[in-house]
Amino acid sequence: MNSKPQISYDDFTNVDIRVGTIVRAEHFPEAKKPAIKVWIDFGSDLGEKKTSAQITRHYTPDSLIGLQVAAVVNFPPRQIGKFMSEVLMLGFPDGDDEVVLVRPGLPVPNGGKLY
């Protein structure tokens, strides 16, 4: 198992992980690897943010609509082709190293911060 160095609690609190609801998703045919463009509603404080994710093994654009997901919202925007990604959705690898999205077990308010 590849472990990272220990960090302080302050390091952890600097990563802003929020929950949001996917409101729009579409295929991203211009991406180098199969990907989906996703728009996530993080509530009134953060609003709607977009990202691109290589999650086509387990998800289709239609299946994503309405899902609540966890994302890092305080990374700088990143240009991916002609698309600007503003957040990083979080996931874990399945047995084939394909992404399974991190989701709350129960509905929670959009914009809630992980703690």
C-alpha atoms as a PDB file:
ATOM      1  CA  MET A   1       0.000   0.000   0.000  1.00  0.00           C
ATOM      2  CA  ASN A   2       1.346   3.407  -1.003  1.00  0.00           C
ATOM      3  CA  SER A   3       0.888   5.764   1.936  1.00  0.00           C
ATOM      4  CA  LYS A   4       1.294   9.531   1.871  1.00  0.00           C
ATOM      5  CA  PRO A   5       3.214  11.472   4.537  1.00  0.00           C
ATOM      6  CA  GLN A   6       1.288  12.526   7.616  1.00  0.00           C
ATOM      7  CA  ILE A   7      -0.306  15.962   7.482  1.00  0.00           C
ATOM      8  CA  SER A   8      -1.545  18.275  10.185  1.00  0.00           C
ATOM      9  CA  TYR A   9      -5.214  18.881  10.940  1.00  0.00           C
ATOM     10  CA  ASP A  10      -4.712  22.418   9.583  1.00  0.00           C
ATOM     11  CA  ASP A  11      -3.557  20.919   6.256  1.00  0.00           C
ATOM     12  CA  PHE A  12      -6.803  18.938   6.100  1.00  0.00           C
ATOM     13  CA  THR A  13      -8.995  21.930   6.948  1.00  0.00           C
ATOM     14  CA  ASN A  14      -7.435  23.873   4.050  1.00  0.00           C
ATOM     15  CA  VAL A  15      -9.028  21.430   1.585  1.00  0.00           C
ATOM     16  CA  ASP A  16     -12.587  22.668   1.002  1.00  0.00           C
ATOM     17  CA  ILE A  17     -14.707  19.594   0.242  1.00  0.00           C
ATOM     18  CA  ARG A  18     -18.382  20.325  -0.375  1.00  0.00           C
ATOM     19  CA  VAL A  19     -21.464  18.426  -1.444  1.00  0.00           C
ATOM     20  CA  GLY A  20     -23.511  19.434  -4.454  1.00  0.00           C
ATOM     21  CA  THR A  21     -26.202  18.118  -6.769  1.00  0.00           C
ATOM     22  CA  ILE A  22     -25.447  17.386 -10.413  1.00  0.00           C
ATOM     23  CA  VAL A  23     -27.823  19.494 -12.503  1.00  0.00           C
ATOM     24  CA  ARG A  24     -26.389  18.956 -15.990  1.00  0.00           C
ATOM     25  CA  ALA A  25     -24.073  16.456 -17.676  1.00  0.00           C
ATOM     26  CA  GLU A  26     -22.984  15.782 -21.234  1.00  0.00           C
ATOM     27  CA  HIS A  27     -20.451  13.687 -23.103  1.00  0.00           C
ATOM     28  CA  PHE A  28     -17.044  15.323 -23.657  1.00  0.00           C
ATOM     29  CA  PRO A  29     -16.018  13.962 -27.086  1.00  0.00           C
ATOM     30  CA  GLU A  30     -13.023  16.325 -27.369  1.00  0.00           C
ATOM     31  CA  ALA A  31     -11.343  14.809 -24.279  1.00  0.00           C
ATOM     32  CA  LYS A  32      -8.282  12.594 -24.822  1.00  0.00           C
ATOM     33  CA  LYS A  33      -9.862   9.827 -22.685  1.00  0.00           C
ATOM     34  CA  PRO A  34     -13.621   9.192 -22.457  1.00  0.00           C
ATOM     35  CA  ALA A  35     -15.081  11.792 -20.088  1.00  0.00           C
ATOM     36  CA  ILE A  36     -18.255  13.584 -19.077  1.00  0.00           C
ATOM     37  CA  LYS A  37     -18.721  17.326 -18.511  1.00  0.00           C
ATOM     38  CA  VAL A  38     -20.641  17.890 -15.270  1.00  0.00           C
ATOM     39  CA  TRP A  39     -22.325  20.965 -13.740  1.00  0.00           C
ATOM     40  CA  ILE A  40     -22.880  20.822  -9.970  1.00  0.00           C
ATOM     41  CA  ASP A  41     -25.102  23.055  -7.812  1.00  0.00           C
ATOM     42  CA  PHE A  42     -23.298  23.834  -4.547  1.00  0.00           C
ATOM     43  CA  GLY A  43     -26.056  26.032  -3.123  1.00  0.00           C
ATOM     44  CA  SER A  44     -26.416  29.767  -2.723  1.00  0.00           C
ATOM     45  CA  ASP A  45     -22.920  30.464  -1.318  1.00  0.00           C
ATOM     46  CA  LEU A  46     -20.905  28.806  -4.104  1.00  0.00           C
ATOM     47  CA  GLY A  47     -23.447  28.489  -6.904  1.00  0.00           C
ATOM     48  CA  GLU A  48     -22.992  26.218  -9.895  1.00  0.00           C
ATOM     49  CA  LYS A  49     -19.524  24.907 -10.784  1.00  0.00           C
ATOM     50  CA  LYS A  50     -18.389  22.680 -13.627  1.00  0.00           C
ATOM     51  CA  THR A  51     -15.894  19.879 -14.021  1.00  0.00           C
ATOM     52  CA  SER A  52     -14.819  17.122 -16.371  1.00  0.00           C
ATOM     53  CA  ALA A  53     -14.509  13.554 -15.124  1.00  0.00           C
ATOM     54  CA  GLN A  54     -13.359  10.231 -16.567  1.00  0.00           C
ATOM     55  CA  ILE A  55     -16.298   8.327 -15.100  1.00  0.00           C
ATOM     56  CA  THR A  56     -17.830   6.741 -18.208  1.00  0.00           C
ATOM     57  CA  ARG A  57     -17.446   3.129 -16.982  1.00  0.00           C
ATOM     58  CA  HIS A  58     -20.156   3.431 -14.300  1.00  0.00           C
ATOM     59  CA  TYR A  59     -22.023   6.602 -15.271  1.00  0.00           C
ATOM     60  CA  THR A  60     -23.798   8.159 -18.240  1.00  0.00           C
ATOM     61  CA  PRO A  61     -24.771  11.821 -18.457  1.00  0.00           C
ATOM     62  CA  ASP A  62     -28.431  10.937 -17.832  1.00  0.00           C
ATOM     63  CA  SER A  63     -27.654   8.739 -14.805  1.00  0.00           C
ATOM     64  CA  LEU A  64     -25.725  11.574 -13.117  1.00  0.00           C
ATOM     65  CA  ILE A  65     -28.568  14.120 -13.041  1.00  0.00           C
ATOM     66  CA  GLY A  66     -29.807  14.587  -9.480  1.00  0.00           C
ATOM     67  CA  LEU A  67     -26.935  12.741  -7.779  1.00  0.00           C
ATOM     68  CA  GLN A  68     -25.281  14.422  -4.831  1.00  0.00           C
ATOM     69  CA  VAL A  69     -21.489  14.205  -4.975  1.00  0.00           C
ATOM     70  CA  ALA A  70     -18.458  15.382  -3.015  1.00  0.00           C
ATOM     71  CA  ALA A  71     -15.934  17.719  -4.640  1.00  0.00           C
ATOM     72  CA  VAL A  72     -12.912  19.848  -3.781  1.00  0.00           C
ATOM     73  CA  VAL A  73     -14.011  23.411  -4.526  1.00  0.00           C
ATOM     74  CA  ASN A  74     -10.873  25.419  -3.711  1.00  0.00           C
ATOM     75  CA  PHE A  75      -8.425  24.215  -6.357  1.00  0.00           C
ATOM     76  CA  PRO A  76      -7.614  26.796  -9.032  1.00  0.00           C
ATOM     77  CA  PRO A  77      -9.558  26.310 -12.297  1.00  0.00           C
ATOM     78  CA  ARG A  78      -7.892  23.962 -14.775  1.00  0.00           C
ATOM     79  CA  GLN A  79      -8.168  24.117 -18.541  1.00  0.00           C
ATOM     80  CA  ILE A  80      -9.029  20.738 -20.075  1.00  0.00           C
ATOM     81  CA  GLY A  81      -9.068  21.204 -23.824  1.00  0.00           C
ATOM     82  CA  LYS A  82     -11.632  23.925 -24.523  1.00  0.00           C
ATOM     83  CA  PHE A  83     -13.370  23.293 -21.181  1.00  0.00           C
ATOM     84  CA  MET A  84     -12.523  25.023 -17.878  1.00  0.00           C
ATOM     85  CA  SER A  85     -12.821  22.673 -14.895  1.00  0.00           C
ATOM     86  CA  GLU A  86     -13.591  24.528 -11.647  1.00  0.00           C
ATOM     87  CA  VAL A  87     -13.871  21.704  -9.092  1.00  0.00           C
ATOM     88  CA  LEU A  88     -12.621  18.150  -8.590  1.00  0.00           C
ATOM     89  CA  MET A  89     -15.274  15.489  -7.994  1.00  0.00           C
ATOM     90  CA  LEU A  90     -14.052  12.800  -5.621  1.00  0.00           C
ATOM     91  CA  GLY A  91     -14.174   9.057  -6.109  1.00  0.00           C
ATOM     92  CA  PHE A  92     -12.632   5.746  -5.162  1.00  0.00           C
ATOM     93  CA  PRO A  93     -11.320   3.062  -7.531  1.00  0.00           C
ATOM     94  CA  ASP A  94     -13.344  -0.107  -7.974  1.00  0.00           C
ATOM     95  CA  GLY A  95     -11.639  -3.493  -8.535  1.00  0.00           C
ATOM     96  CA  ASP A  96     -10.801  -2.485 -12.117  1.00  0.00           C
ATOM     97  CA  ASP A  97      -9.422   0.941 -11.107  1.00  0.00           C
ATOM     98  CA  GLU A  98     -12.524   2.728 -12.459  1.00  0.00           C
ATOM     99  CA  VAL A  99     -13.999   5.702 -10.565  1.00  0.00           C
ATOM    100  CA  VAL A 100     -16.922   5.279  -8.171  1.00  0.00           C
ATOM    101  CA  LEU A 101     -18.084   8.717  -7.016  1.00  0.00           C
ATOM    102  CA  VAL A 102     -18.114   9.712  -3.341  1.00  0.00           C
ATOM    103  CA  ARG A 103     -21.721  10.428  -2.339  1.00  0.00           C
ATOM    104  CA  PRO A 104     -23.498  11.073   0.963  1.00  0.00           C
ATOM    105  CA  GLY A 105     -25.601   8.179   2.258  1.00  0.00           C
ATOM    106  CA  LEU A 106     -28.576  10.452   2.900  1.00  0.00           C
ATOM    107  CA  PRO A 107     -29.721  13.710   1.258  1.00  0.00           C
ATOM    108  CA  VAL A 108     -27.919  16.754   2.665  1.00  0.00           C
ATOM    109  CA  PRO A 109     -28.107  20.489   1.848  1.00  0.00           C
ATOM    110  CA  ASN A 110     -26.039  21.565  -1.173  1.00  0.00           C
ATOM    111  CA  GLY A 111     -22.863  23.369  -0.187  1.00  0.00           C
ATOM    112  CA  GLY A 112     -22.355  21.421   3.041  1.00  0.00           C
ATOM    113  CA  LYS A 113     -18.675  21.190   4.027  1.00  0.00           C
ATOM    114  CA  LEU A 114     -17.043  17.855   4.836  1.00  0.00           C
ATOM    115  CA  TYR A 115     -15.878  17.535   8.435  1.00  0.00           C
END
